[in-house]
Amino acid sequence: MQATVSIAMGASLSTVILTVAVIEAIALYTGQPFIMAMKPVQTVMVAITLIAAAINLNDGETDAIEGMTHFILFATFIMLSVLGL
């Protein structure tokens, strides 16, 4: 479980960092504004996710319950996105 969570978090982090950098470079090259705006609900969800990740990864080990916590947060975020919030 530990290896799976570590690989997933590393892959998602590198993907987000590279994606944002490429999009920003394209925006600078084309002269377009690059605005990363989140709705208040999305900001709260990101904050909750970061807090949960900090708590779960504090001891250096994870288990199924901690993984399920992140899955539920992800499912909640998807549901709120579908609802338009």
PDB file of N, CA and C in Angstrom:
ATOM      1  N   MET A   1       0.826  -1.195   0.000  1.00  0.00           N
ATOM      2  CA  MET A   1       0.000   0.000   0.000  1.00  0.00           C
ATOM      3  C   MET A   1       0.870   1.258   0.000  1.00  0.00           C
ATOM      4  N   GLN A   2       1.932   1.224   0.777  1.00  0.00           N
ATOM      5  CA  GLN A   2       2.811   2.387   0.866  1.00  0.00           C
ATOM      6  C   GLN A   2       3.423   2.731  -0.490  1.00  0.00           C
ATOM      7  N   ALA A   3       3.904   1.728  -1.183  1.00  0.00           N
ATOM      8  CA  ALA A   3       4.513   1.971  -2.490  1.00  0.00           C
ATOM      9  C   ALA A   3       3.496   2.518  -3.489  1.00  0.00           C
ATOM     10  N   THR A   4       2.286   2.002  -3.453  1.00  0.00           N
ATOM     11  CA  THR A   4       1.246   2.456  -4.368  1.00  0.00           C
ATOM     12  C   THR A   4       0.906   3.921  -4.137  1.00  0.00           C
ATOM     13  N   VAL A   5       0.737   4.306  -2.876  1.00  0.00           N
ATOM     14  CA  VAL A   5       0.409   5.702  -2.557  1.00  0.00           C
ATOM     15  C   VAL A   5       1.574   6.614  -2.933  1.00  0.00           C
ATOM     16  N   SER A   6       2.793   6.188  -2.663  1.00  0.00           N
ATOM     17  CA  SER A   6       3.961   7.007  -3.002  1.00  0.00           C
ATOM     18  C   SER A   6       4.074   7.221  -4.505  1.00  0.00           C
ATOM     19  N   ILE A   7       3.869   6.165  -5.266  1.00  0.00           N
ATOM     20  CA  ILE A   7       3.928   6.289  -6.730  1.00  0.00           C
ATOM     21  C   ILE A   7       2.808   7.190  -7.244  1.00  0.00           C
ATOM     22  N   ALA A   8       1.604   7.014  -6.723  1.00  0.00           N
ATOM     23  CA  ALA A   8       0.464   7.820  -7.174  1.00  0.00           C
ATOM     24  C   ALA A   8       0.664   9.296  -6.845  1.00  0.00           C
ATOM     25  N   MET A   9       1.127   9.585  -5.643  1.00  0.00           N
ATOM     26  CA  MET A   9       1.325  10.986  -5.266  1.00  0.00           C
ATOM     27  C   MET A   9       2.470  11.610  -6.051  1.00  0.00           C
ATOM     28  N   GLY A  10       3.538  10.863  -6.276  1.00  0.00           N
ATOM     29  CA  GLY A  10       4.653  11.383  -7.069  1.00  0.00           C
ATOM     30  C   GLY A  10       4.261  11.638  -8.511  1.00  0.00           C
ATOM     31  N   ALA A  11       3.508  10.720  -9.085  1.00  0.00           N
ATOM     32  CA  ALA A  11       3.070  10.885 -10.473  1.00  0.00           C
ATOM     33  C   ALA A  11       2.119  12.065 -10.618  1.00  0.00           C
ATOM     34  N   SER A  12       1.185  12.192  -9.691  1.00  0.00           N
ATOM     35  CA  SER A  12       0.228  13.305  -9.788  1.00  0.00           C
ATOM     36  C   SER A  12       0.913  14.637  -9.560  1.00  0.00           C
ATOM     37  N   LEU A  13       1.860  14.679  -8.635  1.00  0.00           N
ATOM     38  CA  LEU A  13       2.575  15.924  -8.383  1.00  0.00           C
ATOM     39  C   LEU A  13       3.387  16.349  -9.600  1.00  0.00           C
ATOM     40  N   SER A  14       4.120  15.417 -10.195  1.00  0.00           N
ATOM     41  CA  SER A  14       4.921  15.769 -11.365  1.00  0.00           C
ATOM     42  C   SER A  14       4.042  16.162 -12.546  1.00  0.00           C
ATOM     43  N   THR A  15       2.904  15.493 -12.701  1.00  0.00           N
ATOM     44  CA  THR A  15       1.993  15.839 -13.791  1.00  0.00           C
ATOM     45  C   THR A  15       1.449  17.250 -13.631  1.00  0.00           C
ATOM     46  N   VAL A  16       1.021  17.580 -12.436  1.00  0.00           N
ATOM     47  CA  VAL A  16       0.472  18.924 -12.193  1.00  0.00           C
ATOM     48  C   VAL A  16       1.550  19.982 -12.397  1.00  0.00           C
ATOM     49  N   ILE A  17       2.735  19.747 -11.848  1.00  0.00           N
ATOM     50  CA  ILE A  17       3.802  20.741 -11.975  1.00  0.00           C
ATOM     51  C   ILE A  17       4.191  20.948 -13.435  1.00  0.00           C
ATOM     52  N   LEU A  18       4.333  19.871 -14.186  1.00  0.00           N
ATOM     53  CA  LEU A  18       4.707  20.001 -15.595  1.00  0.00           C
ATOM     54  C   LEU A  18       3.592  20.626 -16.424  1.00  0.00           C
ATOM     55  N   THR A  19       2.349  20.253 -16.147  1.00  0.00           N
ATOM     56  CA  THR A  19       1.224  20.801 -16.898  1.00  0.00           C
ATOM     57  C   THR A  19       1.107  22.301 -16.690  1.00  0.00           C
ATOM     58  N   VAL A  20       1.178  22.739 -15.452  1.00  0.00           N
ATOM     59  CA  VAL A  20       1.071  24.171 -15.163  1.00  0.00           C
ATOM     60  C   VAL A  20       2.217  24.928 -15.815  1.00  0.00           C
ATOM     61  N   ALA A  21       3.412  24.393 -15.750  1.00  0.00           N
ATOM     62  CA  ALA A  21       4.562  25.072 -16.354  1.00  0.00           C
ATOM     63  C   ALA A  21       4.411  25.196 -17.871  1.00  0.00           C
ATOM     64  N   VAL A  22       3.963  24.146 -18.521  1.00  0.00           N
ATOM     65  CA  VAL A  22       3.798  24.181 -19.978  1.00  0.00           C
ATOM     66  C   VAL A  22       2.682  25.157 -20.371  1.00  0.00           C
ATOM     67  N   ILE A  23       1.566  25.102 -19.673  1.00  0.00           N
ATOM     68  CA  ILE A  23       0.458  26.011 -19.987  1.00  0.00           C
ATOM     69  C   ILE A  23       0.879  27.467 -19.774  1.00  0.00           C
ATOM     70  N   GLU A  24       1.611  27.725 -18.700  1.00  0.00           N
ATOM     71  CA  GLU A  24       2.062  29.091 -18.455  1.00  0.00           C
ATOM     72  C   GLU A  24       3.065  29.539 -19.507  1.00  0.00           C
ATOM     73  N   ALA A  25       3.949  28.656 -19.927  1.00  0.00           N
ATOM     74  CA  ALA A  25       4.906  29.006 -20.978  1.00  0.00           C
ATOM     75  C   ALA A  25       4.187  29.326 -22.288  1.00  0.00           C
ATOM     76  N   ILE A  26       3.174  28.534 -22.626  1.00  0.00           N
ATOM     77  CA  ILE A  26       2.401  28.801 -23.844  1.00  0.00           C
ATOM     78  C   ILE A  26       1.678  30.137 -23.733  1.00  0.00           C
ATOM     79  N   ALA A  27       1.117  30.424 -22.549  1.00  0.00           N
ATOM     80  CA  ALA A  27       0.415  31.695 -22.356  1.00  0.00           C
ATOM     81  C   ALA A  27       1.373  32.868 -22.486  1.00  0.00           C
ATOM     82  N   LEU A  28       2.564  32.746 -21.929  1.00  0.00           N
ATOM     83  CA  LEU A  28       3.549  33.825 -22.057  1.00  0.00           C
ATOM     84  C   LEU A  28       3.999  34.003 -23.503  1.00  0.00           C
ATOM     85  N   TYR A  29       4.184  32.889 -24.207  1.00  0.00           N
ATOM     86  CA  TYR A  29       4.629  32.940 -25.598  1.00  0.00           C
ATOM     87  C   TYR A  29       3.581  33.586 -26.497  1.00  0.00           C
ATOM     88  N   THR A  30       2.307  33.268 -26.266  1.00  0.00           N
ATOM     89  CA  THR A  30       1.239  33.807 -27.111  1.00  0.00           C
ATOM     90  C   THR A  30       0.711  35.151 -26.619  1.00  0.00           C
ATOM     91  N   GLY A  31       1.134  35.575 -25.439  1.00  0.00           N
ATOM     92  CA  GLY A  31       0.680  36.857 -24.908  1.00  0.00           C
ATOM     93  C   GLY A  31      -0.708  36.807 -24.284  1.00  0.00           C
ATOM     94  N   GLN A  32      -1.214  35.628 -24.051  1.00  0.00           N
ATOM     95  CA  GLN A  32      -2.540  35.464 -23.453  1.00  0.00           C
ATOM     96  C   GLN A  32      -2.430  35.512 -21.937  1.00  0.00           C
ATOM     97  N   PRO A  33      -3.458  36.017 -21.256  1.00  0.00           N
ATOM     98  CA  PRO A  33      -3.421  35.998 -19.787  1.00  0.00           C
ATOM     99  C   PRO A  33      -3.600  34.575 -19.266  1.00  0.00           C
ATOM    100  N   PHE A  34      -2.941  34.295 -18.173  1.00  0.00           N
ATOM    101  CA  PHE A  34      -3.014  32.971 -17.549  1.00  0.00           C
ATOM    102  C   PHE A  34      -3.561  33.150 -16.143  1.00  0.00           C
ATOM    103  N   ILE A  35      -4.827  32.826 -15.967  1.00  0.00           N
ATOM    104  CA  ILE A  35      -5.490  33.030 -14.684  1.00  0.00           C
ATOM    105  C   ILE A  35      -5.869  31.673 -14.118  1.00  0.00           C
ATOM    106  N   MET A  36      -5.321  31.361 -12.956  1.00  0.00           N
ATOM    107  CA  MET A  36      -5.674  30.117 -12.271  1.00  0.00           C
ATOM    108  C   MET A  36      -6.629  30.474 -11.135  1.00  0.00           C
ATOM    109  N   ALA A  37      -7.891  30.501 -11.447  1.00  0.00           N
ATOM    110  CA  ALA A  37      -8.874  30.881 -10.443  1.00  0.00           C
ATOM    111  C   ALA A  37      -9.683  29.663 -10.026  1.00  0.00           C
ATOM    112  N   MET A  38      -9.894  29.548  -8.730  1.00  0.00           N
ATOM    113  CA  MET A  38     -10.727  28.476  -8.209  1.00  0.00           C
ATOM    114  C   MET A  38     -11.917  29.098  -7.496  1.00  0.00           C
ATOM    115  N   LYS A  39     -13.018  28.398  -7.568  1.00  0.00           N
ATOM    116  CA  LYS A  39     -14.195  28.822  -6.846  1.00  0.00           C
ATOM    117  C   LYS A  39     -13.960  28.569  -5.359  1.00  0.00           C
ATOM    118  N   PRO A  40     -14.698  29.253  -4.478  1.00  0.00           N
ATOM    119  CA  PRO A  40     -14.501  29.050  -3.040  1.00  0.00           C
ATOM    120  C   PRO A  40     -14.646  27.590  -2.600  1.00  0.00           C
ATOM    121  N   VAL A  41     -15.595  26.862  -3.183  1.00  0.00           N
ATOM    122  CA  VAL A  41     -15.777  25.454  -2.825  1.00  0.00           C
ATOM    123  C   VAL A  41     -14.536  24.645  -3.219  1.00  0.00           C
ATOM    124  N   GLN A  42     -13.971  24.929  -4.382  1.00  0.00           N
ATOM    125  CA  GLN A  42     -12.777  24.224  -4.822  1.00  0.00           C
ATOM    126  C   GLN A  42     -11.585  24.546  -3.925  1.00  0.00           C
ATOM    127  N   THR A  43     -11.483  25.792  -3.490  1.00  0.00           N
ATOM    128  CA  THR A  43     -10.406  26.182  -2.594  1.00  0.00           C
ATOM    129  C   THR A  43     -10.494  25.428  -1.271  1.00  0.00           C
ATOM    130  N   VAL A  44     -11.698  25.294  -0.742  1.00  0.00           N
ATOM    131  CA  VAL A  44     -11.896  24.546   0.507  1.00  0.00           C
ATOM    132  C   VAL A  44     -11.537  23.075   0.305  1.00  0.00           C
ATOM    133  N   MET A  45     -11.942  22.491  -0.813  1.00  0.00           N
ATOM    134  CA  MET A  45     -11.631  21.086  -1.078  1.00  0.00           C
ATOM    135  C   MET A  45     -10.122  20.862  -1.193  1.00  0.00           C
ATOM    136  N   VAL A  46      -9.418  21.771  -1.843  1.00  0.00           N
ATOM    137  CA  VAL A  46      -7.966  21.647  -1.953  1.00  0.00           C
ATOM    138  C   VAL A  46      -7.327  21.757  -0.572  1.00  0.00           C
ATOM    139  N   ALA A  47      -7.798  22.693   0.239  1.00  0.00           N
ATOM    140  CA  ALA A  47      -7.257  22.841   1.594  1.00  0.00           C
ATOM    141  C   ALA A  47      -7.494  21.584   2.426  1.00  0.00           C
ATOM    142  N   ILE A  48      -8.696  21.023   2.345  1.00  0.00           N
ATOM    143  CA  ILE A  48      -9.005  19.792   3.092  1.00  0.00           C
ATOM    144  C   ILE A  48      -8.117  18.647   2.607  1.00  0.00           C
ATOM    145  N   THR A  49      -7.915  18.549   1.300  1.00  0.00           N
ATOM    146  CA  THR A  49      -7.071  17.492   0.749  1.00  0.00           C
ATOM    147  C   THR A  49      -5.620  17.636   1.218  1.00  0.00           C
ATOM    148  N   LEU A  50      -5.105  18.856   1.223  1.00  0.00           N
ATOM    149  CA  LEU A  50      -3.737  19.064   1.681  1.00  0.00           C
ATOM    150  C   LEU A  50      -3.582  18.749   3.159  1.00  0.00           C
ATOM    151  N   ILE A  51      -4.569  19.116   3.955  1.00  0.00           N
ATOM    152  CA  ILE A  51      -4.533  18.800   5.384  1.00  0.00           C
ATOM    153  C   ILE A  51      -4.584  17.287   5.592  1.00  0.00           C
ATOM    154  N   ALA A  52      -5.468  16.616   4.865  1.00  0.00           N
ATOM    155  CA  ALA A  52      -5.563  15.149   4.984  1.00  0.00           C
ATOM    156  C   ALA A  52      -4.261  14.480   4.551  1.00  0.00           C
ATOM    157  N   ALA A  53      -3.646  14.973   3.487  1.00  0.00           N
ATOM    158  CA  ALA A  53      -2.379  14.401   3.031  1.00  0.00           C
ATOM    159  C   ALA A  53      -1.282  14.613   4.065  1.00  0.00           C
ATOM    160  N   ALA A  54      -1.247  15.792   4.668  1.00  0.00           N
ATOM    161  CA  ALA A  54      -0.228  16.063   5.685  1.00  0.00           C
ATOM    162  C   ALA A  54      -0.406  15.157   6.894  1.00  0.00           C
ATOM    163  N   ILE A  55      -1.636  14.961   7.315  1.00  0.00           N
ATOM    164  CA  ILE A  55      -1.906  14.097   8.466  1.00  0.00           C
ATOM    165  C   ILE A  55      -1.587  12.639   8.128  1.00  0.00           C
ATOM    166  N   ASN A  56      -2.031  12.193   6.962  1.00  0.00           N
ATOM    167  CA  ASN A  56      -1.829  10.789   6.581  1.00  0.00           C
ATOM    168  C   ASN A  56      -0.364  10.443   6.353  1.00  0.00           C
ATOM    169  N   LEU A  57       0.408  11.359   5.815  1.00  0.00           N
ATOM    170  CA  LEU A  57       1.796  11.065   5.476  1.00  0.00           C
ATOM    171  C   LEU A  57       2.774  11.484   6.567  1.00  0.00           C
ATOM    172  N   ASN A  58       2.260  11.961   7.690  1.00  0.00           N
ATOM    173  CA  ASN A  58       3.107  12.436   8.770  1.00  0.00           C
ATOM    174  C   ASN A  58       3.997  11.325   9.329  1.00  0.00           C
ATOM    175  N   ASP A  59       3.455  10.125   9.484  1.00  0.00           N
ATOM    176  CA  ASP A  59       4.229   9.033  10.072  1.00  0.00           C
ATOM    177  C   ASP A  59       5.025   8.236   9.042  1.00  0.00           C
ATOM    178  N   GLY A  60       4.874   8.538   7.763  1.00  0.00           N
ATOM    179  CA  GLY A  60       5.642   7.852   6.731  1.00  0.00           C
ATOM    180  C   GLY A  60       5.035   6.546   6.263  1.00  0.00           C
ATOM    181  N   GLU A  61       3.890   6.167   6.792  1.00  0.00           N
ATOM    182  CA  GLU A  61       3.229   4.932   6.385  1.00  0.00           C
ATOM    183  C   GLU A  61       1.765   5.232   6.095  1.00  0.00           C
ATOM    184  N   THR A  62       1.190   4.451   5.201  1.00  0.00           N
ATOM    185  CA  THR A  62      -0.224   4.606   4.896  1.00  0.00           C
ATOM    186  C   THR A  62      -0.904   3.248   4.990  1.00  0.00           C
ATOM    187  N   ASP A  63      -2.228   3.294   5.083  1.00  0.00           N
ATOM    188  CA  ASP A  63      -2.991   2.056   5.070  1.00  0.00           C
ATOM    189  C   ASP A  63      -4.247   2.270   4.231  1.00  0.00           C
ATOM    190  N   ALA A  64      -5.085   1.268   4.185  1.00  0.00           N
ATOM    191  CA  ALA A  64      -6.266   1.323   3.321  1.00  0.00           C
ATOM    192  C   ALA A  64      -7.237   2.425   3.745  1.00  0.00           C
ATOM    193  N   ILE A  65      -7.357   2.655   5.036  1.00  0.00           N
ATOM    194  CA  ILE A  65      -8.295   3.687   5.507  1.00  0.00           C
ATOM    195  C   ILE A  65      -7.835   5.070   5.043  1.00  0.00           C
ATOM    196  N   GLU A  66      -6.545   5.339   5.136  1.00  0.00           N
ATOM    197  CA  GLU A  66      -6.033   6.634   4.686  1.00  0.00           C
ATOM    198  C   GLU A  66      -6.172   6.779   3.169  1.00  0.00           C
ATOM    199  N   GLY A  67      -5.966   5.691   2.436  1.00  0.00           N
ATOM    200  CA  GLY A  67      -6.168   5.730   0.994  1.00  0.00           C
ATOM    201  C   GLY A  67      -7.624   5.984   0.635  1.00  0.00           C
ATOM    202  N   MET A  68      -8.521   5.361   1.386  1.00  0.00           N
ATOM    203  CA  MET A  68      -9.959   5.565   1.152  1.00  0.00           C
ATOM    204  C   MET A  68     -10.365   7.009   1.460  1.00  0.00           C
ATOM    205  N   THR A  69      -9.709   7.619   2.436  1.00  0.00           N
ATOM    206  CA  THR A  69      -9.984   9.029   2.733  1.00  0.00           C
ATOM    207  C   THR A  69      -9.705   9.894   1.514  1.00  0.00           C
ATOM    208  N   HIS A  70      -8.580   9.658   0.874  1.00  0.00           N
ATOM    209  CA  HIS A  70      -8.247  10.438  -0.322  1.00  0.00           C
ATOM    210  C   HIS A  70      -9.192  10.117  -1.480  1.00  0.00           C
ATOM    211  N   PHE A  71      -9.600   8.862  -1.598  1.00  0.00           N
ATOM    212  CA  PHE A  71     -10.544   8.497  -2.649  1.00  0.00           C
ATOM    213  C   PHE A  71     -11.887   9.194  -2.434  1.00  0.00           C
ATOM    214  N   ILE A  72     -12.354   9.252  -1.199  1.00  0.00           N
ATOM    215  CA  ILE A  72     -13.626   9.925  -0.901  1.00  0.00           C
ATOM    216  C   ILE A  72     -13.519  11.420  -1.175  1.00  0.00           C
ATOM    217  N   LEU A  73     -12.393  12.026  -0.820  1.00  0.00           N
ATOM    218  CA  LEU A  73     -12.204  13.447  -1.138  1.00  0.00           C
ATOM    219  C   LEU A  73     -12.210  13.672  -2.644  1.00  0.00           C
ATOM    220  N   PHE A  74     -11.567  12.781  -3.393  1.00  0.00           N
ATOM    221  CA  PHE A  74     -11.557  12.893  -4.847  1.00  0.00           C
ATOM    222  C   PHE A  74     -12.961  12.742  -5.414  1.00  0.00           C
ATOM    223  N   ALA A  75     -13.704  11.755  -4.929  1.00  0.00           N
ATOM    224  CA  ALA A  75     -15.077  11.546  -5.403  1.00  0.00           C
ATOM    225  C   ALA A  75     -15.959  12.750  -5.079  1.00  0.00           C
ATOM    226  N   THR A  76     -15.754  13.336  -3.916  1.00  0.00           N
ATOM    227  CA  THR A  76     -16.515  14.529  -3.525  1.00  0.00           C
ATOM    228  C   THR A  76     -16.191  15.683  -4.461  1.00  0.00           C
ATOM    229  N   PHE A  77     -14.906  15.859  -4.776  1.00  0.00           N
ATOM    230  CA  PHE A  77     -14.505  16.928  -5.672  1.00  0.00           C
ATOM    231  C   PHE A  77     -15.116  16.746  -7.058  1.00  0.00           C
ATOM    232  N   ILE A  78     -15.122  15.512  -7.559  1.00  0.00           N
ATOM    233  CA  ILE A  78     -15.721  15.238  -8.865  1.00  0.00           C
ATOM    234  C   ILE A  78     -17.222  15.539  -8.827  1.00  0.00           C
ATOM    235  N   MET A  79     -17.889  15.109  -7.754  1.00  0.00           N
ATOM    236  CA  MET A  79     -19.323  15.344  -7.633  1.00  0.00           C
ATOM    237  C   MET A  79     -19.628  16.840  -7.614  1.00  0.00           C
ATOM    238  N   LEU A  80     -18.842  17.599  -6.849  1.00  0.00           N
ATOM    239  CA  LEU A  80     -19.064  19.041  -6.788  1.00  0.00           C
ATOM    240  C   LEU A  80     -18.784  19.706  -8.136  1.00  0.00           C
ATOM    241  N   SER A  81     -17.808  19.187  -8.867  1.00  0.00           N
ATOM    242  CA  SER A  81     -17.512  19.730 -10.193  1.00  0.00           C
ATOM    243  C   SER A  81     -18.654  19.459 -11.167  1.00  0.00           C
ATOM    244  N   VAL A  82     -19.201  18.259 -11.093  1.00  0.00           N
ATOM    245  CA  VAL A  82     -20.331  17.913 -11.973  1.00  0.00           C
ATOM    246  C   VAL A  82     -21.534  18.785 -11.653  1.00  0.00           C
ATOM    247  N   LEU A  83     -21.730  19.075 -10.380  1.00  0.00           N
ATOM    248  CA  LEU A  83     -22.861  19.914  -9.971  1.00  0.00           C
ATOM    249  C   LEU A  83     -22.632  21.390 -10.301  1.00  0.00           C
ATOM    250  N   GLY A  84     -21.394  21.742 -10.665  1.00  0.00           N
ATOM    251  CA  GLY A  84     -21.097  23.113 -11.033  1.00  0.00           C
ATOM    252  C   GLY A  84     -20.738  24.006  -9.866  1.00  0.00           C
ATOM    253  N   LEU A  85     -20.372  23.420  -8.750  1.00  0.00           N
ATOM    254  CA  LEU A  85     -20.009  24.231  -7.585  1.00  0.00           C
ATOM    255  C   LEU A  85     -18.530  24.464  -7.484  1.00  0.00           C
TER     256      LEU A  85
END
